[in-house]
């Protein structure tokens, strides 16, 4: 279990305080979903929807980049 989980409803990292997903969590997720990038995109898309409910003041494009835009 990672120490870099989200602190809700503000969506910061419990491990380092950066906006979640933080760089460390992104590295962990890339390794975890190494051979399944589509699954990673779907997984992070579900977090995007969840975060959009809490972070109503953040522009949609910013949320997309933060949660899904880094997935290749």
PDB file of N, CA and C in Angstrom:
ATOM      1  N   UNK A   1       0.844  -1.182   0.000  1.00  0.00           N
ATOM      2  CA  UNK A   1       0.000   0.000   0.000  1.00  0.00           C
ATOM      3  C   UNK A   1       0.888   1.244   0.000  1.00  0.00           C
ATOM      4  N   UNK A   2       0.562   2.181  -0.825  1.00  0.00           N
ATOM      5  CA  UNK A   2       1.351   3.399  -0.947  1.00  0.00           C
ATOM      6  C   UNK A   2       0.993   4.412   0.140  1.00  0.00           C
ATOM      7  N   UNK A   3       1.958   5.220   0.501  1.00  0.00           N
ATOM      8  CA  UNK A   3       1.718   6.328   1.426  1.00  0.00           C
ATOM      9  C   UNK A   3       1.239   7.558   0.668  1.00  0.00           C
ATOM     10  N   UNK A   4       1.199   7.458  -0.667  1.00  0.00           N
ATOM     11  CA  UNK A   4       0.859   8.600  -1.521  1.00  0.00           C
ATOM     12  C   UNK A   4      -0.572   8.503  -2.041  1.00  0.00           C
ATOM     13  N   UNK A   5      -1.503   8.310  -1.140  1.00  0.00           N
ATOM     14  CA  UNK A   5      -2.916   8.287  -1.499  1.00  0.00           C
ATOM     15  C   UNK A   5      -3.520   9.673  -1.396  1.00  0.00           C
ATOM     16  N   UNK A   6      -4.722   9.849  -1.954  1.00  0.00           N
ATOM     17  CA  UNK A   6      -5.349  11.169  -1.916  1.00  0.00           C
ATOM     18  C   UNK A   6      -5.971  11.486  -0.562  1.00  0.00           C
ATOM     19  N   UNK A   7      -5.853  12.752  -0.166  1.00  0.00           N
ATOM     20  CA  UNK A   7      -6.548  13.277   1.002  1.00  0.00           C
ATOM     21  C   UNK A   7      -7.780  13.995   0.465  1.00  0.00           C
ATOM     22  N   UNK A   8      -8.934  13.468   0.803  1.00  0.00           N
ATOM     23  CA  UNK A   8     -10.188  14.018   0.292  1.00  0.00           C
ATOM     24  C   UNK A   8     -10.803  14.971   1.302  1.00  0.00           C
ATOM     25  N   UNK A   9     -11.510  15.980   0.887  1.00  0.00           N
ATOM     26  CA  UNK A   9     -11.951  16.330  -0.465  1.00  0.00           C
ATOM     27  C   UNK A   9     -11.023  17.301  -1.186  1.00  0.00           C
ATOM     28  N   UNK A  10      -9.829  17.532  -0.626  1.00  0.00           N
ATOM     29  CA  UNK A  10      -8.956  18.546  -1.240  1.00  0.00           C
ATOM     30  C   UNK A  10      -7.988  17.964  -2.270  1.00  0.00           C
ATOM     31  N   UNK A  11      -7.915  16.645  -2.358  1.00  0.00           N
ATOM     32  CA  UNK A  11      -7.123  15.943  -3.365  1.00  0.00           C
ATOM     33  C   UNK A  11      -5.657  16.342  -3.340  1.00  0.00           C
ATOM     34  N   UNK A  12      -5.089  16.327  -2.125  1.00  0.00           N
ATOM     35  CA  UNK A  12      -3.651  16.461  -1.990  1.00  0.00           C
ATOM     36  C   UNK A  12      -3.091  15.101  -1.600  1.00  0.00           C
ATOM     37  N   UNK A  13      -1.806  14.950  -1.728  1.00  0.00           N
ATOM     38  CA  UNK A  13      -1.163  13.672  -1.434  1.00  0.00           C
ATOM     39  C   UNK A  13      -0.911  13.547   0.063  1.00  0.00           C
ATOM     40  N   UNK A  14      -1.289  12.412   0.632  1.00  0.00           N
ATOM     41  CA  UNK A  14      -1.069  12.150   2.053  1.00  0.00           C
ATOM     42  C   UNK A  14       0.415  11.985   2.368  1.00  0.00           C
ATOM     43  N   UNK A  15       1.207  11.598   1.376  1.00  0.00           N
ATOM     44  CA  UNK A  15       2.624  11.349   1.605  1.00  0.00           C
ATOM     45  C   UNK A  15       3.512  12.568   1.489  1.00  0.00           C
ATOM     46  N   UNK A  16       3.186  13.462   0.554  1.00  0.00           N
ATOM     47  CA  UNK A  16       4.085  14.594   0.311  1.00  0.00           C
ATOM     48  C   UNK A  16       3.380  15.947   0.256  1.00  0.00           C
ATOM     49  N   UNK A  17       2.060  15.962   0.248  1.00  0.00           N
ATOM     50  CA  UNK A  17       1.320  17.223   0.242  1.00  0.00           C
ATOM     51  C   UNK A  17       1.125  17.862  -1.116  1.00  0.00           C
ATOM     52  N   UNK A  18       1.664  17.263  -2.160  1.00  0.00           N
ATOM     53  CA  UNK A  18       1.493  17.796  -3.518  1.00  0.00           C
ATOM     54  C   UNK A  18       0.091  17.483  -4.020  1.00  0.00           C
ATOM     55  N   UNK A  19      -0.359  18.168  -5.067  1.00  0.00           N
ATOM     56  CA  UNK A  19      -1.647  17.798  -5.663  1.00  0.00           C
ATOM     57  C   UNK A  19      -1.617  16.331  -6.080  1.00  0.00           C
ATOM     58  N   UNK A  20      -2.691  15.618  -5.764  1.00  0.00           N
ATOM     59  CA  UNK A  20      -2.756  14.192  -6.094  1.00  0.00           C
ATOM     60  C   UNK A  20      -3.328  13.991  -7.485  1.00  0.00           C
ATOM     61  N   UNK A  21      -2.796  13.109  -8.318  1.00  0.00           N
ATOM     62  CA  UNK A  21      -1.678  12.223  -8.047  1.00  0.00           C
ATOM     63  C   UNK A  21      -0.347  12.958  -8.135  1.00  0.00           C
ATOM     64  N   UNK A  22       0.465  12.761  -7.129  1.00  0.00           N
ATOM     65  CA  UNK A  22       1.782  13.403  -7.074  1.00  0.00           C
ATOM     66  C   UNK A  22       2.749  12.662  -8.000  1.00  0.00           C
ATOM     67  N   UNK A  23       3.919  13.224  -8.245  1.00  0.00           N
ATOM     68  CA  UNK A  23       4.891  12.537  -9.112  1.00  0.00           C
ATOM     69  C   UNK A  23       5.240  11.119  -8.635  1.00  0.00           C
ATOM     70  N   UNK A  24       5.352  10.933  -7.332  1.00  0.00           N
ATOM     71  CA  UNK A  24       5.669   9.594  -6.810  1.00  0.00           C
ATOM     72  C   UNK A  24       4.551   8.619  -7.122  1.00  0.00           C
ATOM     73  N   UNK A  25       3.303   9.034  -6.897  1.00  0.00           N
ATOM     74  CA  UNK A  25       2.176   8.136  -7.165  1.00  0.00           C
ATOM     75  C   UNK A  25       2.060   7.833  -8.653  1.00  0.00           C
ATOM     76  N   UNK A  26       2.338   8.814  -9.500  1.00  0.00           N
ATOM     77  CA  UNK A  26       2.306   8.572 -10.943  1.00  0.00           C
ATOM     78  C   UNK A  26       3.328   7.514 -11.339  1.00  0.00           C
ATOM     79  N   UNK A  27       4.538   7.602 -10.766  1.00  0.00           N
ATOM     80  CA  UNK A  27       5.557   6.577 -11.047  1.00  0.00           C
ATOM     81  C   UNK A  27       5.081   5.207 -10.581  1.00  0.00           C
ATOM     82  N   UNK A  28       4.489   5.145  -9.400  1.00  0.00           N
ATOM     83  CA  UNK A  28       3.981   3.880  -8.879  1.00  0.00           C
ATOM     84  C   UNK A  28       2.893   3.313  -9.786  1.00  0.00           C
ATOM     85  N   UNK A  29       1.982   4.172 -10.221  1.00  0.00           N
ATOM     86  CA  UNK A  29       0.893   3.722 -11.089  1.00  0.00           C
ATOM     87  C   UNK A  29       1.416   3.250 -12.444  1.00  0.00           C
ATOM     88  N   UNK A  30       2.386   3.967 -12.999  1.00  0.00           N
ATOM     89  CA  UNK A  30       2.970   3.527 -14.283  1.00  0.00           C
ATOM     90  C   UNK A  30       3.585   2.138 -14.141  1.00  0.00           C
ATOM     91  N   UNK A  31       4.260   1.890 -13.032  1.00  0.00           N
ATOM     92  CA  UNK A  31       4.867   0.573 -12.804  1.00  0.00           C
ATOM     93  C   UNK A  31       3.788  -0.486 -12.587  1.00  0.00           C
ATOM     94  N   UNK A  32       2.768  -0.138 -11.829  1.00  0.00           N
ATOM     95  CA  UNK A  32       1.681  -1.082 -11.526  1.00  0.00           C
ATOM     96  C   UNK A  32       0.901  -1.478 -12.776  1.00  0.00           C
ATOM     97  N   UNK A  33       0.686  -0.524 -13.670  1.00  0.00           N
ATOM     98  CA  UNK A  33      -0.082  -0.752 -14.896  1.00  0.00           C
ATOM     99  C   UNK A  33       0.838  -0.824 -16.116  1.00  0.00           C
ATOM    100  N   UNK A  34       2.059  -1.297 -15.918  1.00  0.00           N
ATOM    101  CA  UNK A  34       3.090  -1.295 -16.957  1.00  0.00           C
ATOM    102  C   UNK A  34       2.612  -1.840 -18.301  1.00  0.00           C
ATOM    103  N   UNK A  35       1.962  -2.951 -18.314  1.00  0.00           N
ATOM    104  CA  UNK A  35       1.526  -3.579 -19.568  1.00  0.00           C
ATOM    105  C   UNK A  35       0.054  -3.321 -19.879  1.00  0.00           C
ATOM    106  N   UNK A  36      -0.556  -2.385 -19.159  1.00  0.00           N
ATOM    107  CA  UNK A  36      -1.992  -2.140 -19.335  1.00  0.00           C
ATOM    108  C   UNK A  36      -2.301  -0.638 -19.313  1.00  0.00           C
ATOM    109  N   UNK A  37      -1.792   0.136 -20.291  1.00  0.00           N
ATOM    110  CA  UNK A  37      -2.019   1.586 -20.278  1.00  0.00           C
ATOM    111  C   UNK A  37      -3.492   1.981 -20.420  1.00  0.00           C
ATOM    112  N   UNK A  38      -4.264   1.194 -21.137  1.00  0.00           N
ATOM    113  CA  UNK A  38      -5.691   1.515 -21.272  1.00  0.00           C
ATOM    114  C   UNK A  38      -6.389   1.348 -19.920  1.00  0.00           C
ATOM    115  N   UNK A  39      -6.029   0.312 -19.202  1.00  0.00           N
ATOM    116  CA  UNK A  39      -6.596   0.108 -17.868  1.00  0.00           C
ATOM    117  C   UNK A  39      -6.215   1.251 -16.941  1.00  0.00           C
ATOM    118  N   UNK A  40      -4.981   1.735 -17.047  1.00  0.00           N
ATOM    119  CA  UNK A  40      -4.557   2.883 -16.242  1.00  0.00           C
ATOM    120  C   UNK A  40      -5.383   4.115 -16.589  1.00  0.00           C
ATOM    121  N   UNK A  41      -5.628   4.344 -17.859  1.00  0.00           N
ATOM    122  CA  UNK A  41      -6.435   5.494 -18.284  1.00  0.00           C
ATOM    123  C   UNK A  41      -7.859   5.391 -17.743  1.00  0.00           C
ATOM    124  N   UNK A  42      -8.437   4.212 -17.779  1.00  0.00           N
ATOM    125  CA  UNK A  42      -9.793   4.025 -17.248  1.00  0.00           C
ATOM    126  C   UNK A  42      -9.789   4.238 -15.738  1.00  0.00           C
ATOM    127  N   UNK A  43      -8.805   3.670 -15.066  1.00  0.00           N
ATOM    128  CA  UNK A  43      -8.674   3.808 -13.618  1.00  0.00           C
ATOM    129  C   UNK A  43      -8.568   5.285 -13.230  1.00  0.00           C
ATOM    130  N   UNK A  44      -7.698   6.025 -13.901  1.00  0.00           N
ATOM    131  CA  UNK A  44      -7.525   7.441 -13.580  1.00  0.00           C
ATOM    132  C   UNK A  44      -8.730   8.262 -14.019  1.00  0.00           C
ATOM    133  N   UNK A  45      -9.420   7.829 -15.069  1.00  0.00           N
ATOM    134  CA  UNK A  45     -10.651   8.505 -15.478  1.00  0.00           C
ATOM    135  C   UNK A  45     -11.707   8.438 -14.386  1.00  0.00           C
ATOM    136  N   UNK A  46     -11.763   7.325 -13.674  1.00  0.00           N
ATOM    137  CA  UNK A  46     -12.728   7.219 -12.572  1.00  0.00           C
ATOM    138  C   UNK A  46     -12.360   8.191 -11.457  1.00  0.00           C
ATOM    139  N   UNK A  47     -11.070   8.362 -11.198  1.00  0.00           N
ATOM    140  CA  UNK A  47     -10.643   9.355 -10.204  1.00  0.00           C
ATOM    141  C   UNK A  47     -10.952  10.774 -10.682  1.00  0.00           C
ATOM    142  N   UNK A  48     -10.828  11.014 -11.975  1.00  0.00           N
ATOM    143  CA  UNK A  48     -11.159  12.324 -12.536  1.00  0.00           C
ATOM    144  C   UNK A  48     -12.611  12.681 -12.248  1.00  0.00           C
ATOM    145  N   UNK A  49     -13.512  11.750 -12.485  1.00  0.00           N
ATOM    146  CA  UNK A  49     -14.936  11.994 -12.232  1.00  0.00           C
ATOM    147  C   UNK A  49     -15.170  12.266 -10.755  1.00  0.00           C
ATOM    148  N   UNK A  50     -14.554  11.469  -9.899  1.00  0.00           N
ATOM    149  CA  UNK A  50     -14.695  11.625  -8.459  1.00  0.00           C
ATOM    150  C   UNK A  50     -14.161  12.992  -8.010  1.00  0.00           C
ATOM    151  N   UNK A  51     -12.977  13.363  -8.486  1.00  0.00           N
ATOM    152  CA  UNK A  51     -12.371  14.634  -8.102  1.00  0.00           C
ATOM    153  C   UNK A  51     -13.164  15.823  -8.616  1.00  0.00           C
ATOM    154  N   UNK A  52     -13.756  15.696  -9.789  1.00  0.00           N
ATOM    155  CA  UNK A  52     -14.546  16.797 -10.359  1.00  0.00           C
ATOM    156  C   UNK A  52     -15.726  17.157  -9.463  1.00  0.00           C
ATOM    157  N   UNK A  53     -16.231  16.190  -8.723  1.00  0.00           N
ATOM    158  CA  UNK A  53     -17.326  16.461  -7.786  1.00  0.00           C
ATOM    159  C   UNK A  53     -16.857  17.304  -6.609  1.00  0.00           C
ATOM    160  N   UNK A  54     -15.599  17.130  -6.196  1.00  0.00           N
ATOM    161  CA  UNK A  54     -15.054  17.883  -5.060  1.00  0.00           C
ATOM    162  C   UNK A  54     -14.387  19.185  -5.465  1.00  0.00           C
ATOM    163  N   UNK A  55     -13.717  19.195  -6.602  1.00  0.00           N
ATOM    164  CA  UNK A  55     -12.909  20.346  -7.026  1.00  0.00           C
ATOM    165  C   UNK A  55     -13.646  21.166  -8.078  1.00  0.00           C
ATOM    166  N   UNK A  56     -14.813  21.647  -7.723  1.00  0.00           N
ATOM    167  CA  UNK A  56     -15.677  22.341  -8.689  1.00  0.00           C
ATOM    168  C   UNK A  56     -15.078  23.658  -9.182  1.00  0.00           C
ATOM    169  N   UNK A  57     -14.134  24.229  -8.482  1.00  0.00           N
ATOM    170  CA  UNK A  57     -13.523  25.495  -8.876  1.00  0.00           C
ATOM    171  C   UNK A  57     -12.347  25.321  -9.845  1.00  0.00           C
ATOM    172  N   UNK A  58     -11.890  24.090 -10.026  1.00  0.00           N
ATOM    173  CA  UNK A  58     -10.754  23.824 -10.914  1.00  0.00           C
ATOM    174  C   UNK A  58     -11.277  23.647 -12.344  1.00  0.00           C
ATOM    175  N   UNK A  59     -10.710  24.347 -13.317  1.00  0.00           N
ATOM    176  CA  UNK A  59     -11.158  24.186 -14.702  1.00  0.00           C
ATOM    177  C   UNK A  59     -11.047  22.728 -15.168  1.00  0.00           C
ATOM    178  N   UNK A  60     -12.002  22.314 -15.983  1.00  0.00           N
ATOM    179  CA  UNK A  60     -12.056  20.928 -16.455  1.00  0.00           C
ATOM    180  C   UNK A  60     -10.765  20.513 -17.147  1.00  0.00           C
ATOM    181  N   UNK A  61     -10.171  21.403 -17.928  1.00  0.00           N
ATOM    182  CA  UNK A  61      -8.925  21.084 -18.612  1.00  0.00           C
ATOM    183  C   UNK A  61      -7.786  20.811 -17.640  1.00  0.00           C
ATOM    184  N   UNK A  62      -7.767  21.553 -16.549  1.00  0.00           N
ATOM    185  CA  UNK A  62      -6.748  21.334 -15.528  1.00  0.00           C
ATOM    186  C   UNK A  62      -6.910  19.991 -14.845  1.00  0.00           C
ATOM    187  N   UNK A  63      -8.152  19.637 -14.562  1.00  0.00           N
ATOM    188  CA  UNK A  63      -8.415  18.326 -13.958  1.00  0.00           C
ATOM    189  C   UNK A  63      -8.053  17.199 -14.921  1.00  0.00           C
ATOM    190  N   UNK A  64      -8.403  17.380 -16.182  1.00  0.00           N
ATOM    191  CA  UNK A  64      -8.073  16.351 -17.176  1.00  0.00           C
ATOM    192  C   UNK A  64      -6.565  16.132 -17.235  1.00  0.00           C
ATOM    193  N   UNK A  65      -5.804  17.202 -17.329  1.00  0.00           N
ATOM    194  CA  UNK A  65      -4.343  17.079 -17.393  1.00  0.00           C
ATOM    195  C   UNK A  65      -3.800  16.417 -16.132  1.00  0.00           C
ATOM    196  N   UNK A  66      -4.316  16.816 -15.000  1.00  0.00           N
ATOM    197  CA  UNK A  66      -3.840  16.304 -13.721  1.00  0.00           C
ATOM    198  C   UNK A  66      -4.114  14.814 -13.534  1.00  0.00           C
ATOM    199  N   UNK A  67      -5.291  14.356 -13.939  1.00  0.00           N
ATOM    200  CA  UNK A  67      -5.683  12.976 -13.667  1.00  0.00           C
ATOM    201  C   UNK A  67      -5.477  12.024 -14.847  1.00  0.00           C
ATOM    202  N   UNK A  68      -5.591  12.512 -16.070  1.00  0.00           N
ATOM    203  CA  UNK A  68      -5.536  11.617 -17.217  1.00  0.00           C
ATOM    204  C   UNK A  68      -4.467  12.024 -18.232  1.00  0.00           C
ATOM    205  N   UNK A  69      -4.181  13.303 -18.319  1.00  0.00           N
ATOM    206  CA  UNK A  69      -3.286  13.807 -19.365  1.00  0.00           C
ATOM    207  C   UNK A  69      -1.879  13.244 -19.347  1.00  0.00           C
ATOM    208  N   UNK A  70      -1.420  12.775 -18.221  1.00  0.00           N
ATOM    209  CA  UNK A  70      -0.062  12.234 -18.110  1.00  0.00           C
ATOM    210  C   UNK A  70       0.007  10.751 -18.491  1.00  0.00           C
ATOM    211  N   UNK A  71      -1.148  10.104 -18.653  1.00  0.00           N
ATOM    212  CA  UNK A  71      -1.182   8.677 -18.981  1.00  0.00           C
ATOM    213  C   UNK A  71      -0.893   8.513 -20.466  1.00  0.00           C
ATOM    214  N   UNK A  72       0.029   7.638 -20.802  1.00  0.00           N
ATOM    215  CA  UNK A  72       0.374   7.393 -22.203  1.00  0.00           C
ATOM    216  C   UNK A  72      -0.062   6.016 -22.614  1.00  0.00           C
TER     217      UNK A  72
END
